[in-house]
Protein backbone atom coordinates (compact mmCIF):
# COMPACT_ATOMS: atom_id res chain seq x y z
CA MET A 1 15.85 -116.79 -157.59
CA ARG A 2 14.10 -120.09 -159.29
CA GLN A 3 15.35 -118.76 -163.06
CA HIS A 4 18.63 -118.41 -161.34
CA HIS A 5 18.97 -121.70 -159.82
CA GLN A 6 17.30 -123.22 -163.19
CA SER A 7 19.96 -121.40 -165.42
CA TYR A 8 22.82 -123.39 -163.41
CA ILE A 9 21.05 -126.47 -163.56
CA LEU A 10 21.98 -125.74 -167.56
CA TYR A 11 25.61 -124.99 -166.68
CA GLY A 12 25.97 -128.07 -164.73
CA GLN A 13 24.49 -130.11 -167.22
CA GLY A 14 26.74 -128.81 -169.90
CA SER A 15 29.63 -129.30 -168.09
CA ALA A 16 28.53 -133.02 -167.34
CA LEU A 17 28.06 -133.51 -171.33
CA TYR A 18 31.38 -131.84 -171.81
CA ALA A 19 33.02 -134.24 -169.53
CA THR A 20 31.80 -137.17 -171.39
CA GLY A 21 32.59 -136.03 -174.74
CA GLN A 22 28.87 -134.88 -175.66
CA TYR A 23 30.46 -131.67 -177.20
CA LYS A 24 27.73 -130.47 -179.38
CA GLU A 25 25.17 -131.38 -176.88
CA ALA A 26 27.40 -129.37 -174.30
CA LEU A 27 27.48 -126.58 -176.41
CA THR A 28 23.86 -126.05 -176.53
CA LYS A 29 23.25 -126.07 -173.06
CA PHE A 30 26.08 -123.50 -172.13
CA GLU A 31 24.57 -121.35 -174.93
CA GLN A 32 21.03 -121.68 -173.25
CA PHE A 33 22.67 -120.78 -170.06
CA LEU A 34 24.65 -117.51 -171.63
CA GLU A 35 21.46 -116.29 -173.19
CA VAL A 36 20.51 -115.94 -169.29
CA CYS A 37 23.72 -115.09 -167.78
CA PRO A 38 25.74 -113.46 -170.25
CA ASP A 39 28.52 -112.14 -167.81
CA CYS A 40 29.68 -115.58 -166.61
CA TYR A 41 33.06 -115.98 -167.84
CA ASP A 42 33.36 -119.48 -166.74
CA ALA A 43 30.79 -120.37 -169.31
CA TRP A 44 32.34 -118.14 -172.17
CA ILE A 45 35.67 -120.40 -171.15
CA HIS A 46 33.69 -123.48 -171.18
CA ARG A 47 31.75 -122.86 -174.58
CA GLY A 48 35.27 -122.11 -176.27
CA TYR A 49 36.60 -125.43 -175.17
CA ALA A 50 33.21 -126.95 -176.49
CA LEU A 51 33.92 -125.06 -179.91
CA SER A 52 37.44 -126.14 -180.28
CA LYS A 53 36.34 -129.88 -179.64
CA LEU A 54 34.14 -129.12 -182.53
CA ARG A 55 36.93 -127.69 -184.55
CA SER A 56 35.20 -124.22 -184.69
CA TYR A 57 38.25 -122.77 -183.70
CA ALA A 58 37.40 -118.92 -184.89
CA GLU A 59 34.29 -119.34 -182.75
CA ALA A 60 36.00 -120.77 -179.97
CA ILE A 61 38.45 -117.98 -179.91
CA ALA A 62 35.61 -115.16 -179.95
CA SER A 63 34.30 -117.17 -176.68
CA PHE A 64 37.72 -116.83 -175.02
CA ASP A 65 37.88 -113.33 -175.95
CA GLN A 66 34.19 -112.58 -174.95
CA ALA A 67 35.79 -114.36 -171.45
CA LEU A 68 38.61 -112.07 -171.23
CA LYS A 69 36.82 -108.95 -171.76
CA LEU A 70 34.69 -109.99 -168.78
CA ASN A 71 37.79 -110.51 -166.79
CA GLN A 72 41.74 -110.43 -168.11
CA THR A 73 43.14 -112.59 -165.46
CA LEU A 74 42.10 -116.09 -166.54
CA PRO A 75 44.67 -118.96 -167.39
CA LEU A 76 42.16 -121.30 -168.76
CA ALA A 77 40.79 -118.87 -171.38
CA TRP A 78 44.45 -117.63 -172.39
CA HIS A 79 45.30 -121.13 -172.51
CA GLY A 80 42.11 -122.10 -174.32
CA LYS A 81 42.77 -118.90 -177.04
CA GLY A 82 46.20 -120.24 -177.41
CA LEU A 83 44.93 -124.07 -178.54
CA ALA A 84 42.74 -122.75 -180.80
CA LEU A 85 45.19 -120.30 -182.41
CA ALA A 86 47.84 -123.44 -182.68
CA LYS A 87 44.94 -125.45 -184.47
CA LEU A 88 44.99 -122.45 -187.13
CA ARG A 89 48.61 -122.45 -187.45
CA LYS A 90 49.22 -119.08 -185.78
CA PHE A 91 51.72 -120.34 -183.71
CA GLU A 92 53.19 -116.73 -183.08
CA ALA A 93 50.14 -115.52 -181.38
CA ALA A 94 49.71 -119.15 -179.88
CA THR A 95 52.81 -118.55 -177.81
CA ILE A 96 51.96 -114.89 -176.73
CA HIS A 97 48.49 -116.44 -175.33
CA PHE A 98 50.20 -119.19 -173.27
CA ARG A 99 52.96 -116.92 -171.70
CA ARG A 100 49.84 -114.94 -170.71
CA ALA A 101 48.16 -118.30 -169.24
CA ILE A 102 51.62 -119.14 -167.68
CA LYS A 103 51.93 -115.48 -166.21
CA SER A 104 48.42 -116.05 -164.12
CA ASN A 105 49.42 -119.63 -163.47
CA PRO A 106 53.18 -120.29 -163.35
CA ARG A 107 53.12 -123.50 -162.41
CA ASP A 108 50.87 -124.63 -165.45
CA ALA A 109 52.51 -127.68 -166.87
CA THR A 110 50.47 -128.20 -169.54
CA ALA A 111 50.61 -124.55 -170.51
CA TRP A 112 54.39 -124.70 -170.67
CA TYR A 113 54.34 -128.09 -173.05
CA ASN A 114 51.67 -126.27 -175.31
CA LEU A 115 54.34 -123.46 -175.35
CA GLY A 116 57.09 -125.57 -176.18
CA THR A 117 55.16 -127.45 -179.06
CA ALA A 118 54.32 -123.87 -180.61
CA LEU A 119 57.99 -122.99 -180.16
CA ASN A 120 58.93 -126.16 -182.11
CA SER A 121 56.27 -125.45 -184.91
CA LEU A 122 58.25 -122.15 -185.22
CA GLY A 123 61.49 -123.68 -185.40
CA ARG A 124 62.72 -121.78 -182.00
CA TYR A 125 63.93 -125.20 -180.70
CA GLN A 126 66.32 -123.59 -177.76
CA GLU A 127 63.13 -122.06 -176.44
CA ALA A 128 61.02 -124.61 -176.76
CA ILE A 129 63.62 -126.68 -174.81
CA THR A 130 63.43 -124.29 -171.89
CA SER A 131 59.66 -124.84 -171.89
CA PHE A 132 59.64 -128.66 -172.00
CA ASP A 133 61.83 -128.33 -169.12
CA ARG A 134 59.38 -126.27 -167.20
CA ALA A 135 56.74 -128.41 -168.21
CA LEU A 136 59.22 -131.76 -167.00
CA GLU A 137 59.48 -129.68 -163.66
CA TYR A 138 55.82 -129.65 -162.79
CA ASN A 139 55.23 -132.91 -164.60
CA PHE A 140 58.08 -135.19 -164.70
CA LYS A 141 56.08 -138.33 -166.00
CA ASN A 142 54.73 -136.41 -169.29
CA HIS A 143 55.64 -138.52 -171.96
CA HIS A 144 54.36 -136.06 -174.65
CA ALA A 145 56.94 -133.41 -173.20
CA TRP A 146 59.84 -135.95 -173.16
CA TYR A 147 59.00 -136.85 -176.56
CA ASN A 148 58.73 -133.35 -178.04
CA ARG A 149 61.76 -132.23 -176.26
CA ALA A 150 63.70 -134.95 -178.17
CA LEU A 151 62.38 -133.48 -181.29
CA ALA A 152 63.99 -130.08 -180.40
CA LEU A 153 66.97 -131.78 -179.75
CA ASN A 154 67.55 -133.75 -182.54
CA ALA A 155 66.48 -130.54 -184.88
CA LEU A 156 69.67 -128.97 -183.13
CA GLN A 157 71.87 -132.11 -184.15
CA ARG A 158 72.05 -132.98 -180.65
CA HIS A 159 71.49 -136.69 -181.18
CA PHE A 160 72.40 -138.16 -177.81
CA GLN A 161 70.51 -136.15 -175.81
CA ALA A 162 67.64 -136.79 -177.99
CA ILE A 163 68.24 -140.40 -177.40
CA VAL A 164 68.21 -139.93 -173.66
CA CYS A 165 64.53 -138.28 -174.17
CA LEU A 166 63.40 -141.04 -175.97
CA ASP A 167 64.46 -143.72 -174.01
CA THR A 168 62.70 -141.50 -171.22
CA THR A 169 59.69 -141.48 -173.03
CA VAL A 170 59.39 -145.40 -173.96
CA GLN A 171 60.32 -145.82 -170.12
CA ILE A 172 57.25 -144.19 -169.38
CA LYS A 173 54.90 -145.24 -171.96
CA PRO A 174 56.19 -148.45 -173.55
CA ASN A 175 53.75 -148.83 -176.15
CA CYS A 176 54.42 -145.14 -177.42
CA TYR A 177 55.08 -146.31 -181.07
CA TYR A 178 55.66 -142.95 -182.69
CA ALA A 179 58.73 -142.49 -180.08
CA TRP A 180 60.29 -145.89 -180.87
CA ASN A 181 59.62 -144.76 -184.67
CA GLN A 182 61.76 -141.55 -183.74
CA ARG A 183 64.66 -143.43 -181.89
CA GLY A 184 64.75 -145.55 -185.01
CA MET A 185 65.42 -142.22 -187.04
CA VAL A 186 67.79 -140.86 -185.00
CA MET A 187 69.87 -144.32 -184.50
CA ILE A 188 69.84 -143.85 -188.39
CA GLN A 189 71.30 -140.57 -188.27
CA LEU A 190 73.95 -142.07 -185.65
CA GLY A 191 75.03 -144.67 -187.61
CA GLU A 192 73.56 -147.36 -185.28
CA TYR A 193 71.83 -149.55 -187.82
CA ALA A 194 71.03 -152.65 -185.48
CA GLU A 195 69.35 -150.26 -182.97
CA ALA A 196 67.20 -148.43 -185.44
CA ILE A 197 66.00 -151.67 -186.63
CA ASN A 198 65.19 -152.80 -183.18
CA SER A 199 63.47 -149.70 -182.51
CA PHE A 200 61.07 -149.94 -185.58
CA GLU A 201 60.54 -153.63 -184.98
CA THR A 202 59.33 -152.43 -181.28
CA SER A 203 57.20 -149.96 -183.04
CA LEU A 204 55.73 -152.06 -185.41
CA LYS A 205 54.66 -154.39 -182.20
CA TYR A 206 52.69 -152.01 -180.64
CA GLN A 207 51.43 -150.63 -183.75
CA VAL A 208 51.74 -152.40 -187.20
CA SER A 209 49.72 -150.19 -189.53
CA ASN A 210 52.35 -147.63 -189.43
CA PRO A 211 54.19 -146.57 -192.43
CA ASN A 212 56.95 -144.79 -190.44
CA ALA A 213 58.43 -147.91 -188.88
CA TRP A 214 58.55 -149.77 -192.23
CA TYR A 215 59.69 -146.58 -194.01
CA GLY A 216 62.49 -146.48 -191.40
CA LYS A 217 63.62 -149.95 -191.94
CA ALA A 218 63.91 -149.63 -195.61
CA ARG A 219 66.36 -146.57 -194.97
CA VAL A 220 68.40 -148.87 -193.05
CA TYR A 221 68.61 -151.51 -195.81
CA ALA A 222 68.97 -149.07 -198.26
CA VAL A 223 72.28 -147.96 -196.52
CA GLN A 224 73.29 -151.52 -196.35
CA LYS A 225 72.47 -151.77 -200.22
CA ASN A 226 70.14 -154.75 -199.29
CA VAL A 227 67.66 -154.33 -202.42
CA ASP A 228 65.44 -156.99 -201.52
CA LEU A 229 64.49 -155.77 -197.59
CA VAL A 230 64.41 -152.32 -199.10
CA VAL A 231 61.59 -153.42 -201.52
CA LYS A 232 60.09 -155.63 -198.72
CA ASN A 233 59.46 -152.88 -196.34
CA LEU A 234 58.80 -149.94 -198.95
CA TYR A 235 56.07 -152.01 -200.20
CA ARG A 236 54.41 -152.56 -196.74
CA THR A 237 54.88 -148.60 -196.25
CA PHE A 238 53.32 -147.72 -199.68
CA VAL A 239 50.32 -150.35 -199.13
CA LEU A 240 49.55 -147.87 -195.85
CA SER A 241 50.37 -144.65 -197.17
CA PRO A 242 50.88 -144.74 -200.94
CA TYR A 243 51.35 -141.38 -202.01
CA VAL A 244 53.09 -139.79 -199.13
CA TYR A 245 55.97 -142.15 -199.00
CA ARG A 246 56.20 -142.70 -202.47
CA PHE A 247 57.16 -139.22 -203.24
CA MET A 248 59.59 -139.10 -200.36
CA ALA A 249 61.32 -142.19 -201.37
CA GLN A 250 61.71 -140.78 -205.27
CA THR A 251 64.06 -137.89 -203.62
CA ASP A 252 65.39 -139.31 -200.36
CA ASP A 253 69.26 -139.56 -199.97
CA TYR A 254 68.97 -142.72 -198.36
CA PHE A 255 67.98 -144.40 -201.58
CA ASP A 256 70.56 -143.16 -203.62
CA SER A 257 72.84 -145.87 -203.66
CA ILE A 258 70.19 -148.27 -204.88
CA ARG A 259 68.09 -145.57 -206.96
CA ASP A 260 69.21 -147.01 -210.30
CA ASN A 261 68.24 -150.78 -209.01
CA LYS A 262 65.32 -152.21 -211.42
CA GLN A 263 63.66 -153.79 -208.64
CA PHE A 264 63.55 -150.48 -206.70
CA GLN A 265 62.60 -148.40 -209.99
CA ALA A 266 60.01 -150.76 -210.61
CA LEU A 267 58.49 -150.45 -207.20
CA LEU A 268 58.42 -146.44 -206.98
CA GLN A 269 56.77 -146.67 -210.55
CA ALA A 270 53.92 -149.07 -209.67
CA THR A 271 50.47 -148.19 -209.38
């Protein structure tokens, strides 16, 4: 009895360490506990989440599998395995596991949200929107769900609906700089250039080291053939992310109207 009590102290210590972000130390405690109580599926689940936090996704999956071997109706295990699979970019398998988590707990807003993000990654945008709708049904103020719903709508060319979602995102979380970025990008597609610039400027107010916003502004100024401002904003982009955006700018249709400009060419060729 004393040994049993002491082993559960290890489990409690592991849970406390996990809660404070000390994942490696938590993992050690869970493994020590499992040596004494190998049939405790909750400990296998906690071990899996600790391993995921440490980016040991294959080991995490094995831990969740061990929990599910002991009990098939564990939404946290199905969900955790889905998350680990998604991190390994195995999105199709991830969707299967998120659906199993939802089957065990249909009101799990987070599982619905993660299912939606996996479906977005698979390009199954209409299904993703349905999942985000369910996530928002149970947690209306999940700004991540509104944002990712906007991404799906935009991919389906439903730009106005995407803007509504992005406006809701920033209403819930005004400093969500990447939502302001995306709002700017959609406004460019709608030809609303002043609104696009305003969105990028707002994004930069919250995160100045944000190459997407500088690049978005450069796109708007390219459409307006304002080469000086294109170069100024692209320069800021390249300082923050010199390789990705330089490559993008070389083939981006938005810059076609100024592609032969010497100032623009000089910036692209500068090292």
